[in-house]
Protein backbone atom coordinates (compact mmCIF):
# COMPACT_ATOMS: atom_id res chain seq x y z
CA MET A 1 115.37 17.55 61.94
CA ALA A 2 117.05 15.94 64.53
CA PHE A 3 118.81 12.37 64.09
CA SER A 4 120.11 9.64 66.53
CA CYS A 5 123.67 9.19 67.39
CA ASN A 6 126.09 6.59 68.79
CA ILE A 7 129.33 6.14 69.74
CA VAL A 8 130.37 2.92 71.62
CA THR A 9 133.64 1.32 72.09
CA GLN A 10 133.66 -2.57 73.18
CA GLU A 11 133.65 -0.78 76.72
CA ARG A 12 131.41 1.83 77.22
CA THR A 13 128.90 4.20 75.21
CA VAL A 14 130.63 7.08 74.74
CA PHE A 15 127.66 9.12 73.75
CA ASN A 16 123.91 8.40 72.44
CA GLY A 17 121.66 11.30 71.97
CA GLU A 18 119.97 13.38 68.87
CA VAL A 19 121.92 15.43 66.65
CA GLN A 20 121.33 17.66 64.22
CA SER A 21 124.83 16.92 62.31
CA VAL A 22 128.04 14.48 63.20
CA SER A 23 131.57 15.09 61.19
CA LEU A 24 133.35 12.00 60.70
CA PRO A 25 137.32 11.05 60.01
CA GLY A 26 136.82 8.55 57.62
CA THR A 27 139.96 6.43 56.43
CA ASP A 28 139.78 8.55 53.22
CA GLY A 29 139.05 11.58 54.15
CA ARG A 30 136.39 13.97 56.08
CA MET A 31 132.70 13.24 56.28
CA GLY A 32 129.73 15.32 57.15
CA ILE A 33 126.15 13.62 58.18
CA LEU A 34 123.10 15.43 58.11
CA PRO A 35 119.15 13.89 58.41
CA ASN A 36 117.85 11.32 55.91
CA HIS A 37 122.14 10.91 54.48
CA SER A 38 122.01 7.60 52.24
CA ALA A 39 122.91 4.61 53.91
CA LEU A 40 126.54 3.50 54.33
CA LEU A 41 128.90 1.42 56.15
CA THR A 42 132.40 2.88 56.78
CA THR A 43 135.85 2.45 58.24
CA LEU A 44 137.03 5.26 60.11
CA GLY A 45 140.35 6.41 60.67
CA PHE A 46 142.22 8.12 64.09
CA GLY A 47 140.73 11.43 64.26
CA GLU A 48 138.30 14.31 65.39
CA VAL A 49 134.69 13.42 65.74
CA MET A 50 132.17 16.72 66.07
CA VAL A 51 128.50 15.95 66.76
CA LYS A 52 126.59 18.96 66.54
CA ASP A 53 123.33 17.80 69.11
CA ALA A 54 119.85 18.61 68.88
CA ASN A 55 120.14 22.06 70.83
CA GLY A 56 123.16 23.51 68.58
CA GLU A 57 126.01 22.78 70.93
CA GLU A 58 128.97 21.16 69.21
CA LEU A 59 130.60 18.21 71.12
CA TYR A 60 134.34 16.62 70.18
CA PHE A 61 135.57 13.18 70.69
CA ALA A 62 138.86 11.71 69.82
CA ILE A 63 138.32 8.38 68.21
CA GLY A 64 141.35 5.64 67.14
CA GLY A 65 139.55 4.06 64.26
CA GLY A 66 136.81 1.68 63.86
CA TYR A 67 133.68 1.63 61.60
CA ALA A 68 130.40 4.16 61.34
CA GLU A 69 127.09 2.62 60.20
CA VAL A 70 124.80 5.51 58.83
CA GLN A 71 120.95 4.94 58.12
CA PRO A 72 118.37 8.01 57.35
CA ASP A 73 117.41 8.01 60.96
CA HIS A 74 120.48 7.01 62.87
CA VAL A 75 124.40 7.03 62.98
CA THR A 76 126.51 4.35 65.04
CA VAL A 77 130.25 4.81 65.42
CA LEU A 78 132.17 1.73 66.57
CA ALA A 79 135.31 2.89 67.56
CA ASP A 80 138.05 1.09 68.73
CA SER A 81 139.08 3.99 71.39
CA ALA A 82 136.78 6.92 72.12
CA GLU A 83 137.01 9.54 74.33
CA GLN A 84 135.37 13.06 74.96
CA ALA A 85 137.38 15.76 74.14
CA GLU A 86 136.98 16.91 78.43
CA GLU A 87 137.88 13.21 79.07
CA ILE A 88 141.48 13.81 78.13
CA ASP A 89 143.97 13.82 80.57
CA ILE A 90 146.44 15.85 78.33
CA GLU A 91 149.33 14.81 81.11
CA ARG A 92 148.71 11.44 80.47
CA ALA A 93 148.27 11.52 76.15
CA GLU A 94 151.41 13.16 76.52
CA ARG A 95 153.66 10.95 78.49
CA ALA A 96 151.84 7.98 76.15
CA ARG A 97 153.19 9.97 73.11
CA GLU A 98 156.83 10.23 74.53
CA ILE A 99 156.60 6.51 75.39
CA ALA A 100 155.45 5.61 71.85
CA GLU A 101 157.76 7.67 69.98
CA LYS A 102 160.82 5.96 72.27
CA ALA A 103 159.56 2.34 71.29
CA MET A 104 159.48 3.81 67.51
CA SER A 105 163.13 5.02 67.92
CA GLU A 106 164.53 2.19 69.17
CA GLY A 107 162.79 0.24 66.52
CA VAL A 108 161.40 -3.62 66.41
CA LYS A 109 162.76 -4.57 63.36
CA GLU A 110 162.02 -8.40 63.52
CA ASP A 111 158.31 -7.94 64.79
CA PRO A 112 155.90 -6.01 61.73
CA ASP A 113 153.31 -6.62 64.38
CA GLN A 114 154.73 -4.84 67.42
CA TYR A 115 155.86 -2.48 65.35
CA ALA A 116 152.44 -1.59 63.94
CA GLN A 117 150.82 -1.60 67.57
CA ILE A 118 153.34 1.01 68.68
CA GLN A 119 152.62 3.25 65.72
CA ALA A 120 148.91 2.77 66.57
CA SER A 121 149.57 3.81 70.00
CA LEU A 122 151.28 7.03 68.98
CA MET A 123 148.56 8.25 66.58
CA ARG A 124 146.08 7.38 69.50
CA ALA A 125 148.41 9.54 71.79
CA GLN A 126 148.67 12.38 69.44
CA ILE A 127 144.77 12.59 68.25
CA ARG A 128 143.45 12.73 72.02
CA LEU A 129 146.35 15.37 72.54
CA ASP A 130 145.54 17.45 69.67
CA VAL A 131 141.93 17.12 70.56
CA GLY A 132 142.04 17.57 74.38
CA ARG A 133 144.61 20.94 73.21
CA LYS A 134 142.17 22.26 71.34
CA ARG A 135 138.97 22.04 73.32
CA ALA A 136 140.76 22.35 76.24
CA GLY A 137 138.96 25.08 79.01
CA ARG A 138 135.78 24.78 76.95
CA ARG A 139 132.72 22.05 77.90
CA ARG A 140 131.17 22.86 74.95
CA ARG A 141 130.36 25.35 72.24
CA THR A 142 127.51 26.69 70.56
CA MET A 143 127.16 27.26 67.03
CA ALA A 144 126.69 31.43 65.88
CA ALA A 145 123.69 32.21 65.45
CA VAL A 146 124.86 34.13 62.31
CA PRO A 147 126.39 32.17 59.79
CA GLY A 148 130.15 33.24 59.15
CA GLN A 149 130.16 35.01 62.43
CA PRO A 150 132.23 33.69 65.07
CA GLN A 151 131.05 32.53 68.88
CA ASP A 152 134.37 32.81 70.39
CA GLU A 153 137.95 33.71 69.88
CA ASP A 154 138.56 29.81 68.36
CA ASN A 155 137.12 29.33 64.98
CA SER A 156 138.48 26.17 64.66
């Protein structure tokens, strides 16, 4: 049984399709969503979203916070930022992390808002690196037909 899933930002729709399951980085921990889930509205942290599409293929996304609305027949992720793993430019994310780390080390004691923005930039760059590196070289991965039997050498 499938349900619809939309992952959107202010700028664009990142994903829209029928899925079997969704795994989300909630601010209080990871959440797994299956068809007919109870209605839920939750905040999301920085992290990896995994969508298992209607064909059983796993798709991965790096998100930088936001909200998720869950209904029995659909999930909508309203992300502050979101990229599919294959879209992530590892070198660009590395540069962004280095810039944010340098700004954090130099300090901005007078402006707590600027410090929070730099901290968010650092977390966003780090999750992009984590998701991009973990999924590098792989476009999509199909779930193993037999439970507990790995599909490939990377079982993460």
